[in-house]
């Protein structure tokens, strides 16, 4: 499925973000995004405070360990108190593979995907369906993941978006990465609809290139790129 973005739609948003399982990083970043841009964001944040699946992973003390202010903690708590934010209903967790694509219909309703990858610590590179959905729908993306995540995507042949905004965030982990990502979203949130449309049009070749690379990606590509 590919998208046909039409910024003339009254409900078109700048940001999309989809979280199936809460974690301290996802809570921190999502709470900032939803507080700062309530009318410019569309997405999902599944949360159930009676579910061990969710409660096991939130580790809000990690926010404090990595420099979150008490305002950040309060904002995160208020965010969870108002959750879940659900475009798609999930009957059980973990989310099964046949449900990964259920939200693709929403990708033509926003400009850039704020991806919160599953693996974001240490020397790892593990892109999941969260990143692949953006590429498969020809949607630009900003990714909270491990350090050098974008650099490793480029090793696979993908192009990223440093022509249109700083990708300095790829050099950082955890709280610094969040701070750098918010600098980008602040910039994008202040663009006009025409400027967003022009930017998206200018990205056409990059998005098409990534789509083609994705459709030819194999296990052999990963092995050849990172092992040999």
Protein backbone atom coordinates (compact mmCIF):
# COMPACT_ATOMS: atom_id res chain seq x y z
CA UNK A 1 0.00 0.00 0.00
CA UNK A 2 1.27 3.46 -0.86
CA UNK A 3 -0.11 6.82 0.15
CA UNK A 4 -1.44 9.80 -1.72
CA UNK A 5 -0.98 12.69 0.69
CA UNK A 6 -3.35 15.59 0.19
CA UNK A 7 -2.55 18.52 2.45
CA UNK A 8 -5.81 20.22 1.47
CA UNK A 9 -7.70 17.76 3.69
CA UNK A 10 -9.08 19.56 6.75
CA UNK A 11 -7.90 16.76 9.04
CA UNK A 12 -4.39 16.43 7.57
CA UNK A 13 -1.73 16.48 10.30
CA UNK A 14 1.99 17.13 10.30
CA UNK A 15 2.95 14.27 12.64
CA UNK A 16 1.95 10.65 13.01
CA UNK A 17 3.13 8.32 15.76
CA UNK A 18 2.02 4.79 16.62
CA UNK A 19 2.95 3.05 19.88
CA UNK A 20 1.74 -0.43 20.71
CA UNK A 21 3.60 -0.93 23.99
CA UNK A 22 4.52 1.74 26.50
CA UNK A 23 8.14 2.18 27.57
CA UNK A 24 9.79 5.05 29.40
CA UNK A 25 11.30 6.46 26.18
CA UNK A 26 8.02 6.19 24.30
CA UNK A 27 6.12 7.78 27.19
CA UNK A 28 8.62 10.65 27.40
CA UNK A 29 8.68 11.39 23.67
CA UNK A 30 4.96 10.80 23.06
CA UNK A 31 3.91 12.98 26.00
CA UNK A 32 5.98 15.84 24.59
CA UNK A 33 4.58 15.43 21.09
CA UNK A 34 0.93 15.23 22.18
CA UNK A 35 1.30 18.19 24.58
CA UNK A 36 3.14 20.47 22.17
CA UNK A 37 1.16 19.73 18.98
CA UNK A 38 -2.35 18.59 19.99
CA UNK A 39 -3.89 19.80 16.72
CA UNK A 40 -1.04 18.67 14.47
CA UNK A 41 -0.67 15.02 15.43
CA UNK A 42 -2.50 11.79 14.70
CA UNK A 43 -1.69 8.40 16.11
CA UNK A 44 -2.06 5.68 18.66
CA UNK A 45 -0.68 5.09 22.13
CA UNK A 46 -2.00 1.87 23.61
CA UNK A 47 -2.05 1.82 27.40
CA UNK A 48 -3.81 -0.26 30.00
CA UNK A 49 -2.76 0.22 33.63
CA UNK A 50 -4.20 -3.18 34.52
CA UNK A 51 -2.07 -5.03 31.97
CA UNK A 52 1.22 -6.62 32.97
CA UNK A 53 2.26 -6.32 29.33
CA UNK A 54 2.27 -2.54 29.74
CA UNK A 55 3.25 -2.16 33.38
CA UNK A 56 6.34 -4.35 33.08
CA UNK A 57 8.05 -2.01 30.62
CA UNK A 58 7.31 1.59 31.69
CA UNK A 59 10.26 2.02 34.14
CA UNK A 60 9.54 5.73 34.66
CA UNK A 61 12.52 5.92 37.04
CA UNK A 62 14.68 5.69 33.91
CA UNK A 63 13.35 9.10 32.84
CA UNK A 64 14.76 10.62 36.02
CA UNK A 65 18.05 8.74 35.62
CA UNK A 66 18.46 10.22 32.14
CA UNK A 67 17.71 13.79 33.15
CA UNK A 68 13.94 14.25 32.92
CA UNK A 69 12.69 17.22 34.91
CA UNK A 70 9.81 17.00 37.36
CA UNK A 71 7.74 18.82 34.73
CA UNK A 72 8.60 16.04 32.30
CA UNK A 73 7.51 13.44 34.84
CA UNK A 74 4.25 15.27 35.56
CA UNK A 75 3.57 15.68 31.85
CA UNK A 76 4.23 11.97 31.27
CA UNK A 77 1.93 11.05 34.15
CA UNK A 78 -0.84 13.31 32.83
CA UNK A 79 -0.35 11.80 29.39
CA UNK A 80 -0.80 8.26 30.71
CA UNK A 81 -3.81 9.37 32.73
CA UNK A 82 -5.48 10.41 29.45
CA UNK A 83 -4.40 7.31 27.52
CA UNK A 84 -5.07 5.18 25.57
CA UNK A 85 -5.17 7.16 22.34
CA UNK A 86 -6.44 4.63 19.84
CA UNK A 87 -7.11 4.77 16.14
CA UNK A 88 -6.84 0.99 15.95
CA UNK A 89 -8.24 -1.45 18.47
CA UNK A 90 -5.97 -4.25 19.58
CA UNK A 91 -7.61 -7.25 21.21
CA UNK A 92 -4.48 -8.72 22.75
CA UNK A 93 -0.76 -8.19 23.15
CA UNK A 94 1.80 -8.64 21.84
CA UNK A 95 0.50 -7.32 18.53
CA UNK A 96 0.51 -10.09 15.94
CA UNK A 97 2.07 -9.66 12.51
CA UNK A 98 -1.26 -9.62 10.67
CA UNK A 99 -2.22 -6.52 12.67
CA UNK A 100 0.91 -4.53 11.80
CA UNK A 101 -0.64 -3.21 8.60
CA UNK A 102 -4.03 -2.27 10.04
CA UNK A 103 -2.95 1.35 10.54
CA UNK A 104 -1.59 1.88 7.02
CA UNK A 105 -4.80 3.62 5.99
CA UNK A 106 -3.86 6.51 8.29
CA UNK A 107 -0.53 7.19 6.63
CA UNK A 108 -2.09 9.37 3.95
CA UNK A 109 -3.33 11.72 6.70
CA UNK A 110 0.00 13.02 7.98
CA UNK A 111 3.36 14.23 6.71
CA UNK A 112 6.12 12.67 8.85
CA UNK A 113 6.19 9.54 11.00
CA UNK A 114 7.79 9.86 14.45
CA UNK A 115 9.00 6.29 14.88
CA UNK A 116 9.78 4.89 18.35
CA UNK A 117 11.74 1.76 17.60
CA UNK A 118 11.74 -1.24 19.92
CA UNK A 119 15.51 -1.45 20.39
CA UNK A 120 17.25 1.80 21.31
CA UNK A 121 20.11 0.93 23.68
CA UNK A 122 23.64 -0.25 23.07
CA UNK A 123 25.35 -1.29 19.85
CA UNK A 124 22.32 -2.56 18.00
CA UNK A 125 20.60 -2.05 14.69
CA UNK A 126 17.22 -3.71 14.60
CA UNK A 127 14.67 -1.98 12.35
CA UNK A 128 11.16 -3.36 12.77
CA UNK A 129 7.81 -2.92 11.08
CA UNK A 130 7.66 0.53 12.70
CA UNK A 131 10.33 1.84 10.34
CA UNK A 132 9.30 -0.33 7.40
CA UNK A 133 5.73 1.05 7.50
CA UNK A 134 7.08 4.54 6.81
CA UNK A 135 9.20 3.38 3.92
CA UNK A 136 6.49 1.17 2.43
CA UNK A 137 4.00 4.06 2.48
CA UNK A 138 6.52 6.61 1.13
CA UNK A 139 6.35 8.63 4.31
CA UNK A 140 9.33 10.63 5.63
CA UNK A 141 10.44 9.57 9.10
CA UNK A 142 12.26 10.65 12.23
CA UNK A 143 13.40 7.73 14.37
CA UNK A 144 14.09 7.32 18.04
CA UNK A 145 16.29 4.23 18.06
CA UNK A 146 19.88 3.26 18.81
CA UNK A 147 22.79 5.54 17.96
CA UNK A 148 23.73 5.39 14.25
CA UNK A 149 20.39 3.88 13.26
CA UNK A 150 20.09 6.20 10.25
CA UNK A 151 23.71 5.63 9.31
CA UNK A 152 23.06 1.90 9.20
CA UNK A 153 19.94 2.41 7.09
CA UNK A 154 22.08 4.30 4.61
CA UNK A 155 24.56 1.40 4.55
CA UNK A 156 21.66 -0.73 3.29
CA UNK A 157 21.13 1.76 0.47
CA UNK A 158 18.31 3.86 1.93
CA UNK A 159 18.31 7.64 1.83
CA UNK A 160 17.35 9.71 4.86
CA UNK A 161 16.24 13.32 5.25
CA UNK A 162 19.25 15.46 6.14
CA UNK A 163 18.52 17.66 3.12
CA UNK A 164 15.38 18.92 4.84
CA UNK A 165 16.23 18.86 8.56
CA UNK A 166 19.18 18.10 10.80
CA UNK A 167 19.79 14.43 11.46
CA UNK A 168 22.31 15.21 14.17
CA UNK A 169 20.04 13.31 16.53
CA UNK A 170 21.35 10.04 15.08
CA UNK A 171 24.63 10.65 16.95
CA UNK A 172 22.90 10.62 20.33
CA UNK A 173 21.07 8.24 22.61
CA UNK A 174 18.15 8.51 25.00
CA UNK A 175 17.39 11.99 26.38
CA UNK A 176 19.70 13.91 24.02
CA UNK A 177 18.10 12.16 21.07
CA UNK A 178 14.64 13.18 22.31
CA UNK A 179 15.79 16.78 22.71
CA UNK A 180 17.19 16.86 19.17
CA UNK A 181 14.04 15.27 17.74
CA UNK A 182 11.86 17.90 19.43
CA UNK A 183 14.00 20.63 17.85
CA UNK A 184 13.07 19.18 14.45
CA UNK A 185 9.36 18.82 15.25
CA UNK A 186 9.27 22.42 16.54
CA UNK A 187 10.71 23.54 13.20
CA UNK A 188 8.21 21.50 11.19
CA UNK A 189 5.25 22.55 13.34
CA UNK A 190 5.89 26.17 12.39
CA UNK A 191 5.86 25.59 8.63
CA UNK A 192 2.83 26.53 6.57
CA UNK A 193 0.78 23.94 4.71
CA UNK A 194 2.30 25.15 1.44
CA UNK A 195 5.81 24.77 2.82
CA UNK A 196 5.05 21.23 4.01
CA UNK A 197 3.58 20.37 0.62
CA UNK A 198 6.62 21.77 -1.19
CA UNK A 199 8.93 19.82 1.11
CA UNK A 200 7.04 16.60 0.49
CA UNK A 201 7.10 17.16 -3.26
CA UNK A 202 10.85 17.78 -3.08
CA UNK A 203 11.27 14.42 -1.30
CA UNK A 204 9.64 12.48 -4.11
CA UNK A 205 12.83 10.92 -5.50
CA UNK A 206 14.09 9.95 -2.04
CA UNK A 207 10.79 8.33 -1.06
CA UNK A 208 10.55 6.43 -4.34
CA UNK A 209 14.16 5.29 -4.01
CA UNK A 210 13.55 3.98 -0.48
CA UNK A 211 10.41 2.18 -1.60
CA UNK A 212 12.36 0.35 -4.29
CA UNK A 213 15.20 -0.56 -1.94
CA UNK A 214 12.70 -1.89 0.60
CA UNK A 215 10.98 -4.10 -1.96
CA UNK A 216 14.30 -5.70 -2.88
CA UNK A 217 15.58 -6.10 0.69
CA UNK A 218 16.57 -9.64 1.71
CA UNK A 219 18.36 -11.41 4.54
CA UNK A 220 21.29 -11.67 2.17
CA UNK A 221 21.40 -7.86 1.94
CA UNK A 222 21.81 -7.63 5.72
CA UNK A 223 24.41 -10.38 5.81
CA UNK A 224 26.45 -8.85 2.98
CA UNK A 225 26.26 -5.35 4.52
CA UNK A 226 27.00 -6.07 8.16
CA UNK A 227 28.73 -9.44 8.38
CA UNK A 228 30.98 -9.91 5.37
